């Protein structure tokens, strides 16, 4: 294609969430809940370690939900994006004669 076309910039915005410690805390709590089962006799009972892990896991989940809710409500209500139509391409085929085979 030798011709140059002007393609308009997109009018929509992409909003990425801000970084959060929520997923890391959630994984730490989930790991503590599972590993706590095998920590029987290490200063506390196995259930105590698992309950501590579950509480940390719930705190991490709460952090994830709160951050997501806060990020959602900071998004713009409406985007005033100009509508852009896609350019129409014309496909041109070159016609070539087909070779016919003659049977003997």
N, C-alpha and C. Protein backbone atom coordinates (compact mmCIF):
# COMPACT_ATOMS: atom_id res chain seq x y z
N UNK A 1 0.84 -1.17 0.00
CA UNK A 1 0.00 0.00 0.00
C UNK A 1 0.89 1.24 0.00
N UNK A 2 0.88 1.95 -1.09
CA UNK A 2 1.73 3.12 -1.22
C UNK A 2 1.07 4.37 -0.66
N UNK A 3 -0.23 4.37 -0.55
CA UNK A 3 -0.92 5.55 -0.05
C UNK A 3 -0.89 5.58 1.48
N UNK A 4 -0.83 6.76 2.04
CA UNK A 4 -0.83 6.90 3.49
C UNK A 4 -2.21 7.33 3.93
N UNK A 5 -2.64 6.73 5.01
CA UNK A 5 -3.95 7.06 5.55
C UNK A 5 -3.78 7.66 6.93
N UNK A 6 -4.67 8.53 7.28
CA UNK A 6 -4.67 9.11 8.62
C UNK A 6 -5.64 8.30 9.48
N UNK A 7 -5.11 7.67 10.49
CA UNK A 7 -5.95 6.90 11.41
C UNK A 7 -6.11 7.73 12.67
N UNK A 8 -7.35 8.05 13.06
CA UNK A 8 -7.55 8.91 14.23
C UNK A 8 -7.17 8.19 15.52
N UNK A 9 -6.77 8.99 16.49
CA UNK A 9 -6.42 8.45 17.81
C UNK A 9 -7.68 7.90 18.48
N UNK A 10 -7.54 6.84 19.27
CA UNK A 10 -8.72 6.32 19.97
C UNK A 10 -9.21 7.32 21.01
N UNK A 11 -10.49 7.42 21.17
CA UNK A 11 -11.06 8.37 22.11
C UNK A 11 -11.39 7.77 23.45
N UNK A 12 -11.17 6.49 23.62
CA UNK A 12 -11.50 5.83 24.88
C UNK A 12 -10.27 5.81 25.77
N UNK A 13 -10.51 5.86 27.07
CA UNK A 13 -9.40 5.81 28.01
C UNK A 13 -9.36 4.45 28.68
N UNK A 14 -8.16 4.04 29.05
CA UNK A 14 -7.97 2.78 29.76
C UNK A 14 -7.48 3.13 31.15
N UNK A 15 -8.20 2.68 32.16
CA UNK A 15 -7.82 2.96 33.54
C UNK A 15 -7.29 1.69 34.18
N UNK A 16 -6.06 1.74 34.63
CA UNK A 16 -5.48 0.58 35.30
C UNK A 16 -5.58 0.76 36.81
N UNK A 17 -5.76 -0.32 37.54
CA UNK A 17 -5.87 -0.20 39.00
C UNK A 17 -4.52 0.15 39.61
N UNK A 18 -4.58 0.77 40.77
CA UNK A 18 -3.34 1.11 41.47
C UNK A 18 -2.80 -0.14 42.17
N UNK A 19 -1.50 -0.18 42.44
CA UNK A 19 -0.93 -1.36 43.09
C UNK A 19 -1.47 -1.52 44.50
N UNK A 20 -1.52 -2.77 44.94
CA UNK A 20 -2.10 -3.06 46.24
C UNK A 20 -1.33 -4.20 46.91
N UNK A 21 -1.31 -4.17 48.23
CA UNK A 21 -0.72 -5.25 49.01
C UNK A 21 -1.74 -6.36 49.28
N UNK A 22 -2.99 -6.15 48.89
CA UNK A 22 -4.05 -7.11 49.17
C UNK A 22 -3.79 -8.52 48.68
N UNK A 23 -3.41 -8.73 47.43
CA UNK A 23 -3.16 -10.10 46.98
C UNK A 23 -2.02 -10.79 47.72
N UNK A 24 -0.96 -10.03 48.05
CA UNK A 24 0.16 -10.63 48.78
C UNK A 24 -0.27 -11.04 50.19
N UNK A 25 -1.06 -10.20 50.85
CA UNK A 25 -1.54 -10.54 52.20
C UNK A 25 -2.49 -11.73 52.13
N UNK A 26 -3.32 -11.78 51.10
CA UNK A 26 -4.25 -12.90 50.94
C UNK A 26 -3.49 -14.21 50.77
N UNK A 27 -2.45 -14.20 49.94
CA UNK A 27 -1.66 -15.42 49.72
C UNK A 27 -0.92 -15.81 50.99
N UNK A 28 -0.41 -14.83 51.72
CA UNK A 28 0.26 -15.12 52.98
C UNK A 28 -0.70 -15.79 53.96
N UNK A 29 -1.92 -15.28 54.05
CA UNK A 29 -2.91 -15.88 54.94
C UNK A 29 -3.33 -17.27 54.49
N UNK A 30 -3.50 -17.47 53.18
CA UNK A 30 -3.88 -18.79 52.68
C UNK A 30 -2.75 -19.79 52.94
N UNK A 31 -1.52 -19.36 52.76
CA UNK A 31 -0.38 -20.23 53.04
C UNK A 31 -0.32 -20.55 54.53
N UNK A 32 -0.55 -19.55 55.36
CA UNK A 32 -0.56 -19.79 56.81
C UNK A 32 -1.67 -20.72 57.23
N UNK A 33 -2.85 -20.63 56.57
CA UNK A 33 -3.96 -21.52 56.93
C UNK A 33 -3.64 -22.97 56.59
N UNK A 34 -2.97 -23.19 55.46
CA UNK A 34 -2.65 -24.55 55.05
C UNK A 34 -1.45 -25.09 55.83
N UNK A 35 -0.42 -24.27 55.96
CA UNK A 35 0.78 -24.72 56.66
C UNK A 35 0.51 -24.87 58.16
N UNK A 36 -0.44 -24.10 58.67
CA UNK A 36 -0.78 -24.19 60.09
C UNK A 36 -1.28 -25.57 60.49
N UNK A 37 -1.81 -26.32 59.56
CA UNK A 37 -2.27 -27.68 59.85
C UNK A 37 -1.09 -28.56 60.26
N UNK A 38 0.07 -28.32 59.62
CA UNK A 38 1.24 -29.15 59.88
C UNK A 38 2.13 -28.59 61.01
N UNK A 39 1.76 -27.44 61.57
CA UNK A 39 2.56 -26.82 62.63
C UNK A 39 2.06 -27.23 64.01
N UNK A 40 1.55 -28.42 64.14
CA UNK A 40 1.01 -28.87 65.41
C UNK A 40 2.14 -29.02 66.43
N UNK A 41 1.96 -28.42 67.57
CA UNK A 41 2.94 -28.53 68.63
C UNK A 41 3.98 -27.43 68.61
N UNK A 42 3.98 -26.54 67.62
CA UNK A 42 4.94 -25.44 67.57
C UNK A 42 4.30 -24.22 68.26
N UNK A 43 4.46 -24.14 69.53
CA UNK A 43 3.99 -23.05 70.39
C UNK A 43 2.47 -23.06 70.58
N UNK A 44 1.70 -23.45 69.57
CA UNK A 44 0.24 -23.50 69.68
C UNK A 44 -0.26 -24.77 69.00
N UNK A 45 -1.54 -24.96 69.10
CA UNK A 45 -2.17 -26.08 68.41
C UNK A 45 -2.26 -25.77 66.91
N UNK A 46 -2.46 -26.80 66.13
CA UNK A 46 -2.54 -26.62 64.67
C UNK A 46 -3.73 -25.75 64.29
N UNK A 47 -4.83 -25.87 65.02
CA UNK A 47 -6.02 -25.08 64.69
C UNK A 47 -5.79 -23.59 64.94
N UNK A 48 -5.01 -23.27 65.96
CA UNK A 48 -4.73 -21.86 66.25
C UNK A 48 -3.95 -21.23 65.09
N UNK A 49 -2.92 -21.93 64.59
CA UNK A 49 -2.16 -21.42 63.46
C UNK A 49 -3.04 -21.28 62.21
N UNK A 50 -3.92 -22.24 62.01
CA UNK A 50 -4.83 -22.17 60.86
C UNK A 50 -5.81 -21.01 61.00
N UNK A 51 -6.31 -20.78 62.20
CA UNK A 51 -7.23 -19.67 62.41
C UNK A 51 -6.53 -18.33 62.21
N UNK A 52 -5.29 -18.23 62.64
CA UNK A 52 -4.52 -17.00 62.41
C UNK A 52 -4.35 -16.78 60.90
N UNK A 53 -4.04 -17.85 60.16
CA UNK A 53 -3.91 -17.74 58.71
C UNK A 53 -5.21 -17.35 58.04
N UNK A 54 -6.32 -17.88 58.53
CA UNK A 54 -7.64 -17.54 57.96
C UNK A 54 -7.97 -16.08 58.23
N UNK A 55 -7.65 -15.60 59.42
CA UNK A 55 -7.92 -14.19 59.73
C UNK A 55 -7.07 -13.27 58.84
N UNK A 56 -5.81 -13.61 58.64
CA UNK A 56 -4.95 -12.83 57.75
C UNK A 56 -5.47 -12.90 56.32
N UNK A 57 -5.95 -14.07 55.91
CA UNK A 57 -6.48 -14.24 54.57
C UNK A 57 -7.73 -13.38 54.38
N UNK A 58 -8.62 -13.34 55.36
CA UNK A 58 -9.82 -12.51 55.27
C UNK A 58 -9.46 -11.03 55.25
N UNK A 59 -8.44 -10.64 56.00
CA UNK A 59 -8.00 -9.26 55.98
C UNK A 59 -7.46 -8.89 54.59
N UNK A 60 -6.71 -9.79 53.97
CA UNK A 60 -6.22 -9.55 52.61
C UNK A 60 -7.35 -9.48 51.60
N UNK A 61 -8.36 -10.32 51.76
CA UNK A 61 -9.52 -10.28 50.86
C UNK A 61 -10.26 -8.96 51.01
N UNK A 62 -10.38 -8.50 52.25
CA UNK A 62 -11.03 -7.20 52.51
C UNK A 62 -10.24 -6.08 51.84
N UNK A 63 -8.91 -6.15 51.90
CA UNK A 63 -8.09 -5.13 51.24
C UNK A 63 -8.31 -5.13 49.73
N UNK A 64 -8.42 -6.31 49.13
CA UNK A 64 -8.64 -6.41 47.69
C UNK A 64 -9.99 -5.80 47.31
N UNK A 65 -11.03 -6.14 48.08
CA UNK A 65 -12.37 -5.65 47.77
C UNK A 65 -12.45 -4.13 47.96
N UNK A 66 -11.88 -3.63 49.05
CA UNK A 66 -11.93 -2.19 49.30
C UNK A 66 -11.18 -1.42 48.21
N UNK A 67 -10.02 -1.91 47.80
CA UNK A 67 -9.24 -1.23 46.77
C UNK A 67 -9.99 -1.27 45.44
N UNK A 68 -10.61 -2.40 45.13
CA UNK A 68 -11.38 -2.48 43.89
C UNK A 68 -12.58 -1.56 43.89
N UNK A 69 -13.26 -1.48 45.03
CA UNK A 69 -14.41 -0.58 45.13
C UNK A 69 -13.97 0.87 45.00
N UNK A 70 -12.87 1.23 45.65
CA UNK A 70 -12.37 2.60 45.58
C UNK A 70 -11.93 2.93 44.16
N UNK A 71 -11.28 1.99 43.50
CA UNK A 71 -10.85 2.22 42.12
C UNK A 71 -12.04 2.35 41.18
N UNK A 72 -13.09 1.59 41.43
CA UNK A 72 -14.26 1.64 40.57
C UNK A 72 -14.95 3.00 40.66
N UNK A 73 -15.08 3.52 41.86
CA UNK A 73 -15.79 4.78 42.03
C UNK A 73 -14.95 6.00 41.67
N UNK A 74 -13.66 5.84 41.43
CA UNK A 74 -12.85 6.96 40.95
C UNK A 74 -12.82 7.03 39.43
N UNK A 75 -13.39 6.05 38.74
CA UNK A 75 -13.44 6.09 37.28
C UNK A 75 -14.38 7.19 36.82
N UNK A 76 -14.14 7.77 35.65
CA UNK A 76 -15.08 8.79 35.14
C UNK A 76 -16.42 8.14 34.82
N UNK A 77 -17.49 8.91 35.07
CA UNK A 77 -18.84 8.37 34.84
C UNK A 77 -19.11 8.13 33.36
N UNK A 78 -18.70 9.07 32.55
CA UNK A 78 -18.94 8.93 31.11
C UNK A 78 -17.67 9.29 30.37
N UNK A 79 -17.50 8.65 29.24
CA UNK A 79 -16.40 8.99 28.37
C UNK A 79 -16.98 9.64 27.13
N UNK A 80 -16.52 10.83 26.85
CA UNK A 80 -17.00 11.53 25.67
C UNK A 80 -16.05 11.23 24.51
N UNK A 81 -16.24 10.06 23.97
CA UNK A 81 -15.36 9.60 22.90
C UNK A 81 -16.03 9.89 21.56
N UNK A 82 -15.30 10.50 20.67
CA UNK A 82 -15.87 10.70 19.34
C UNK A 82 -15.98 9.36 18.63
N UNK A 83 -17.06 9.19 17.94
CA UNK A 83 -17.22 7.92 17.24
C UNK A 83 -16.35 7.93 15.99
N UNK A 84 -15.62 6.90 15.84
CA UNK A 84 -14.73 6.78 14.68
C UNK A 84 -15.17 5.58 13.86
N UNK A 85 -15.31 5.80 12.59
CA UNK A 85 -15.67 4.68 11.73
C UNK A 85 -14.40 4.07 11.18
N UNK A 86 -14.47 2.81 10.94
CA UNK A 86 -13.31 2.10 10.39
C UNK A 86 -13.17 2.42 8.91
N UNK A 87 -11.95 2.56 8.45
CA UNK A 87 -11.78 2.85 7.02
C UNK A 87 -12.18 1.64 6.18
N UNK A 88 -12.72 1.92 5.03
CA UNK A 88 -13.17 0.85 4.14
C UNK A 88 -12.04 0.55 3.16
N UNK A 89 -11.68 -0.69 3.11
CA UNK A 89 -10.64 -1.12 2.19
C UNK A 89 -11.30 -1.76 0.98
N UNK A 90 -10.78 -1.45 -0.16
CA UNK A 90 -11.28 -2.09 -1.37
C UNK A 90 -10.26 -3.13 -1.80
N UNK A 91 -10.73 -4.31 -1.99
CA UNK A 91 -9.87 -5.40 -2.41
C UNK A 91 -10.02 -5.56 -3.92
N UNK A 92 -8.90 -5.47 -4.59
CA UNK A 92 -8.92 -5.61 -6.05
C UNK A 92 -8.21 -6.90 -6.41
N UNK A 93 -8.89 -7.72 -7.15
CA UNK A 93 -8.32 -8.97 -7.61
C UNK A 93 -7.91 -8.81 -9.07
N UNK A 94 -6.78 -9.35 -9.37
CA UNK A 94 -6.37 -9.36 -10.76
C UNK A 94 -6.92 -10.63 -11.39
N UNK A 95 -7.55 -10.46 -12.50
CA UNK A 95 -8.11 -11.64 -13.15
C UNK A 95 -7.05 -12.26 -14.06
N UNK A 96 -6.87 -13.55 -13.88
CA UNK A 96 -5.94 -14.31 -14.70
C UNK A 96 -6.72 -15.42 -15.37
N UNK A 97 -6.42 -15.67 -16.58
CA UNK A 97 -7.13 -16.77 -17.25
C UNK A 97 -6.70 -18.10 -16.64
N UNK A 98 -7.64 -18.94 -16.46
CA UNK A 98 -7.33 -20.26 -15.92
C UNK A 98 -6.97 -21.19 -17.05
N UNK A 99 -6.03 -22.05 -16.77
CA UNK A 99 -5.60 -23.00 -17.79
C UNK A 99 -6.52 -24.20 -17.73
N UNK A 100 -7.01 -24.57 -18.86
CA UNK A 100 -7.87 -25.76 -18.93
C UNK A 100 -7.05 -26.90 -19.50
N UNK A 101 -7.19 -28.01 -18.91
CA UNK A 101 -6.47 -29.18 -19.38
C UNK A 101 -7.36 -29.96 -20.34
N UNK A 102 -6.77 -30.32 -21.45
CA UNK A 102 -7.50 -31.11 -22.42
C UNK A 102 -7.14 -32.56 -22.22
N UNK A 103 -8.12 -33.39 -22.21
CA UNK A 103 -7.88 -34.81 -22.03
C UNK A 103 -7.57 -35.45 -23.38
N UNK A 104 -6.66 -36.40 -23.38
CA UNK A 104 -6.31 -37.05 -24.67
C UNK A 104 -7.38 -37.97 -25.20
